[in-house]
N, C-alpha and C. Protein backbone atom coordinates (compact mmCIF):
# COMPACT_ATOMS: atom_id res chain seq x y z
N MET A 1 161.66 0.69 111.06
CA MET A 1 162.14 -0.18 110.02
C MET A 1 161.47 0.25 108.71
N THR A 2 162.30 0.41 107.72
CA THR A 2 161.76 0.83 106.42
C THR A 2 161.20 -0.38 105.68
N ASN A 3 160.50 -0.07 104.63
CA ASN A 3 159.90 -1.12 103.82
C ASN A 3 160.98 -1.99 103.19
N GLU A 4 162.07 -1.39 102.73
CA GLU A 4 163.16 -2.16 102.13
C GLU A 4 163.82 -3.07 103.16
N GLU A 5 164.02 -2.57 104.36
CA GLU A 5 164.62 -3.39 105.42
C GLU A 5 163.70 -4.58 105.76
N PHE A 6 162.43 -4.28 105.81
CA PHE A 6 161.47 -5.33 106.11
C PHE A 6 161.49 -6.40 105.00
N GLN A 7 161.52 -5.96 103.74
CA GLN A 7 161.55 -6.90 102.63
C GLN A 7 162.84 -7.72 102.65
N ARG A 8 163.96 -7.09 102.96
CA ARG A 8 165.23 -7.77 103.05
C ARG A 8 165.20 -8.83 104.17
N LEU A 9 164.62 -8.46 105.30
CA LEU A 9 164.52 -9.38 106.43
C LEU A 9 163.65 -10.60 106.05
N ILE A 10 162.53 -10.34 105.40
CA ILE A 10 161.64 -11.43 104.96
C ILE A 10 162.37 -12.32 103.96
N LEU A 11 163.10 -11.71 103.04
CA LEU A 11 163.85 -12.47 102.04
C LEU A 11 164.92 -13.35 102.69
N GLU A 12 165.60 -12.82 103.69
CA GLU A 12 166.61 -13.60 104.42
C GLU A 12 165.96 -14.79 105.12
N LYS A 13 164.82 -14.54 105.72
CA LYS A 13 164.11 -15.63 106.41
C LYS A 13 163.67 -16.70 105.41
N LEU A 14 163.16 -16.27 104.26
CA LEU A 14 162.74 -17.22 103.24
C LEU A 14 163.92 -18.03 102.73
N ASN A 15 165.04 -17.37 102.50
CA ASN A 15 166.24 -18.08 102.06
C ASN A 15 166.69 -19.09 103.11
N SER A 16 166.61 -18.70 104.37
CA SER A 16 166.97 -19.61 105.46
C SER A 16 166.03 -20.81 105.48
N LEU A 17 164.74 -20.55 105.30
CA LEU A 17 163.77 -21.63 105.27
C LEU A 17 163.99 -22.55 104.07
N ASP A 18 164.34 -21.98 102.93
CA ASP A 18 164.63 -22.79 101.74
C ASP A 18 165.80 -23.74 102.01
N GLY A 19 166.84 -23.24 102.64
CA GLY A 19 168.00 -24.07 102.96
C GLY A 19 167.62 -25.19 103.91
N ARG A 20 166.83 -24.87 104.91
CA ARG A 20 166.41 -25.89 105.86
C ARG A 20 165.50 -26.92 105.19
N LEU A 21 164.64 -26.45 104.30
CA LEU A 21 163.76 -27.36 103.57
C LEU A 21 164.56 -28.30 102.68
N GLU A 22 165.60 -27.79 102.04
CA GLU A 22 166.47 -28.63 101.22
C GLU A 22 167.12 -29.72 102.07
N ASN A 23 167.55 -29.36 103.29
CA ASN A 23 168.16 -30.34 104.20
C ASN A 23 167.15 -31.42 104.59
N VAL A 24 165.92 -31.01 104.85
CA VAL A 24 164.88 -31.97 105.20
C VAL A 24 164.60 -32.89 104.02
N GLU A 25 164.51 -32.33 102.83
CA GLU A 25 164.26 -33.14 101.63
C GLU A 25 165.40 -34.13 101.39
N LYS A 26 166.63 -33.68 101.61
CA LYS A 26 167.79 -34.56 101.44
C LYS A 26 167.73 -35.70 102.46
N GLY A 27 167.41 -35.38 103.69
CA GLY A 27 167.28 -36.41 104.72
C GLY A 27 166.18 -37.40 104.39
N LEU A 28 165.08 -36.90 103.85
CA LEU A 28 163.97 -37.76 103.47
C LEU A 28 164.38 -38.71 102.33
N ARG A 29 165.12 -38.19 101.36
CA ARG A 29 165.60 -39.04 100.27
C ARG A 29 166.51 -40.15 100.82
N GLU A 30 167.38 -39.80 101.75
CA GLU A 30 168.28 -40.80 102.35
C GLU A 30 167.49 -41.85 103.12
N LEU A 31 166.47 -41.42 103.83
CA LEU A 31 165.63 -42.37 104.56
C LEU A 31 164.90 -43.31 103.60
N ASN A 32 164.42 -42.76 102.50
CA ASN A 32 163.73 -43.60 101.51
C ASN A 32 164.67 -44.64 100.93
N LYS A 33 165.94 -44.27 100.72
CA LYS A 33 166.92 -45.23 100.23
C LYS A 33 167.14 -46.35 101.24
N MET A 34 167.03 -46.02 102.52
CA MET A 34 167.23 -47.02 103.56
C MET A 34 166.00 -47.91 103.73
N VAL A 35 164.83 -47.40 103.42
CA VAL A 35 163.59 -48.14 103.62
C VAL A 35 163.45 -49.27 102.60
N ASP A 36 163.87 -49.07 101.37
CA ASP A 36 163.73 -50.09 100.33
C ASP A 36 164.40 -51.42 100.73
N PRO A 37 165.65 -51.40 101.17
CA PRO A 37 166.26 -52.68 101.59
C PRO A 37 165.55 -53.29 102.79
N ILE A 38 165.00 -52.46 103.65
CA ILE A 38 164.27 -52.99 104.81
C ILE A 38 163.02 -53.72 104.34
N HIS A 39 162.32 -53.17 103.35
CA HIS A 39 161.14 -53.84 102.80
C HIS A 39 161.53 -55.18 102.17
N GLU A 40 162.62 -55.18 101.43
CA GLU A 40 163.08 -56.42 100.79
C GLU A 40 163.43 -57.47 101.84
N GLN A 41 164.15 -57.06 102.85
CA GLN A 41 164.55 -58.00 103.90
C GLN A 41 163.33 -58.51 104.66
N THR A 42 162.38 -57.64 104.90
CA THR A 42 161.15 -58.06 105.59
C THR A 42 160.41 -59.10 104.77
N ALA A 43 160.33 -58.89 103.47
CA ALA A 43 159.66 -59.87 102.60
C ALA A 43 160.40 -61.21 102.65
N GLU A 44 161.72 -61.18 102.60
CA GLU A 44 162.50 -62.41 102.66
C GLU A 44 162.30 -63.12 104.00
N LEU A 45 162.30 -62.35 105.08
CA LEU A 45 162.11 -62.96 106.41
C LEU A 45 160.72 -63.54 106.56
N THR A 46 159.72 -62.89 105.98
CA THR A 46 158.36 -63.41 106.03
C THR A 46 158.27 -64.73 105.29
N GLU A 47 158.89 -64.79 104.12
CA GLU A 47 158.90 -66.04 103.35
C GLU A 47 159.64 -67.13 104.12
N PHE A 48 160.77 -66.78 104.72
CA PHE A 48 161.55 -67.74 105.50
C PHE A 48 160.73 -68.28 106.66
N LYS A 49 160.01 -67.39 107.34
CA LYS A 49 159.17 -67.79 108.46
C LYS A 49 158.10 -68.77 108.01
N SER A 50 157.50 -68.50 106.88
CA SER A 50 156.46 -69.40 106.35
C SER A 50 157.04 -70.77 106.05
N GLU A 51 158.22 -70.80 105.43
CA GLU A 51 158.87 -72.07 105.12
C GLU A 51 159.20 -72.85 106.39
N ILE A 52 159.75 -72.16 107.36
CA ILE A 52 160.12 -72.80 108.63
C ILE A 52 158.87 -73.32 109.34
N SER A 53 157.82 -72.54 109.33
CA SER A 53 156.57 -72.95 109.98
C SER A 53 156.03 -74.22 109.32
N TYR A 54 156.05 -74.26 108.01
CA TYR A 54 155.58 -75.44 107.28
C TYR A 54 156.44 -76.66 107.64
N LYS A 55 157.75 -76.48 107.63
CA LYS A 55 158.66 -77.59 107.94
C LYS A 55 158.48 -78.06 109.38
N LEU A 56 158.28 -77.12 110.29
CA LEU A 56 158.07 -77.49 111.69
C LEU A 56 156.78 -78.28 111.85
N ASP A 57 155.73 -77.86 111.18
CA ASP A 57 154.47 -78.62 111.22
C ASP A 57 154.69 -80.05 110.70
N GLU A 58 155.46 -80.17 109.63
CA GLU A 58 155.75 -81.48 109.06
C GLU A 58 156.54 -82.35 110.04
N ILE A 59 157.51 -81.76 110.70
CA ILE A 59 158.32 -82.48 111.69
C ILE A 59 157.45 -82.94 112.86
N MET A 60 156.56 -82.06 113.29
CA MET A 60 155.67 -82.41 114.41
C MET A 60 154.75 -83.58 114.04
N GLU A 61 154.25 -83.58 112.82
CA GLU A 61 153.40 -84.68 112.36
C GLU A 61 154.21 -85.97 112.30
N ASN A 62 155.43 -85.90 111.79
CA ASN A 62 156.29 -87.09 111.75
C ASN A 62 156.59 -87.60 113.16
N ASP A 63 156.79 -86.68 114.09
CA ASP A 63 157.06 -87.05 115.48
C ASP A 63 155.87 -87.81 116.07
N LYS A 64 154.67 -87.35 115.77
CA LYS A 64 153.47 -88.06 116.24
C LYS A 64 153.44 -89.49 115.68
N SER A 65 153.75 -89.61 114.41
CA SER A 65 153.76 -90.94 113.78
C SER A 65 154.82 -91.82 114.42
N PHE A 66 156.00 -91.29 114.65
CA PHE A 66 157.06 -92.06 115.28
C PHE A 66 156.65 -92.52 116.68
N ASN A 67 156.03 -91.63 117.43
CA ASN A 67 155.59 -91.98 118.77
C ASN A 67 154.54 -93.10 118.73
N GLU A 68 153.64 -93.05 117.77
CA GLU A 68 152.64 -94.11 117.64
C GLU A 68 153.32 -95.44 117.31
N ILE A 69 154.29 -95.40 116.42
CA ILE A 69 155.02 -96.63 116.06
C ILE A 69 155.76 -97.18 117.28
N ILE A 70 156.42 -96.31 118.02
CA ILE A 70 157.17 -96.74 119.22
C ILE A 70 156.21 -97.35 120.23
N GLU A 71 155.04 -96.75 120.41
CA GLU A 71 154.06 -97.30 121.34
C GLU A 71 153.63 -98.70 120.90
N GLU A 72 153.38 -98.88 119.60
CA GLU A 72 153.00 -100.20 119.09
C GLU A 72 154.11 -101.21 119.35
N HIS A 73 155.34 -100.81 119.12
CA HIS A 73 156.48 -101.72 119.33
C HIS A 73 156.63 -102.06 120.82
N GLU A 74 156.42 -101.08 121.68
CA GLU A 74 156.51 -101.32 123.12
C GLU A 74 155.46 -102.35 123.54
N ILE A 75 154.26 -102.20 123.00
CA ILE A 75 153.19 -103.16 123.32
C ILE A 75 153.58 -104.54 122.83
N ALA A 76 154.09 -104.62 121.61
CA ALA A 76 154.49 -105.92 121.06
C ALA A 76 155.62 -106.54 121.89
N ILE A 77 156.58 -105.75 122.29
CA ILE A 77 157.71 -106.25 123.09
C ILE A 77 157.20 -106.78 124.42
N ARG A 78 156.31 -106.06 125.08
CA ARG A 78 155.79 -106.50 126.37
C ARG A 78 154.95 -107.79 126.20
N SER A 79 154.23 -107.85 125.12
CA SER A 79 153.45 -109.09 124.88
C SER A 79 154.38 -110.27 124.68
N LEU A 80 155.44 -110.07 123.91
CA LEU A 80 156.41 -111.15 123.69
C LEU A 80 157.10 -111.55 124.99
N ARG A 81 157.41 -110.61 125.84
CA ARG A 81 158.04 -110.92 127.12
C ARG A 81 157.11 -111.76 127.98
N ARG A 82 155.83 -111.41 127.98
CA ARG A 82 154.88 -112.20 128.78
C ARG A 82 154.76 -113.62 128.25
N MET A 83 154.83 -113.77 126.93
CA MET A 83 154.70 -115.09 126.33
C MET A 83 155.89 -115.99 126.67
N SER A 84 157.07 -115.43 126.79
CA SER A 84 158.26 -116.24 127.02
C SER A 84 158.40 -116.65 128.47
N ILE A 85 157.65 -116.09 129.35
CA ILE A 85 157.76 -116.47 130.77
C ILE A 85 157.09 -117.75 131.05
């Protein structure tokens, strides 16, 4: 193999690598475009989860209060029933 043939072969390989590198860079750009909306959606879902968690805690506290009220009423009802006998 002559020096010119060797240089031509190396140049062909480099050109091939350049083309493949361009494809990889293009794919990376497309992936980056897809990642941005995922980050936005993740932030929205995190905020939604926090809101739901807060509301659920509030509902659970209200449920405890309702149960306490119902227990008091049950006691009062039973006391009234005993009095009427």
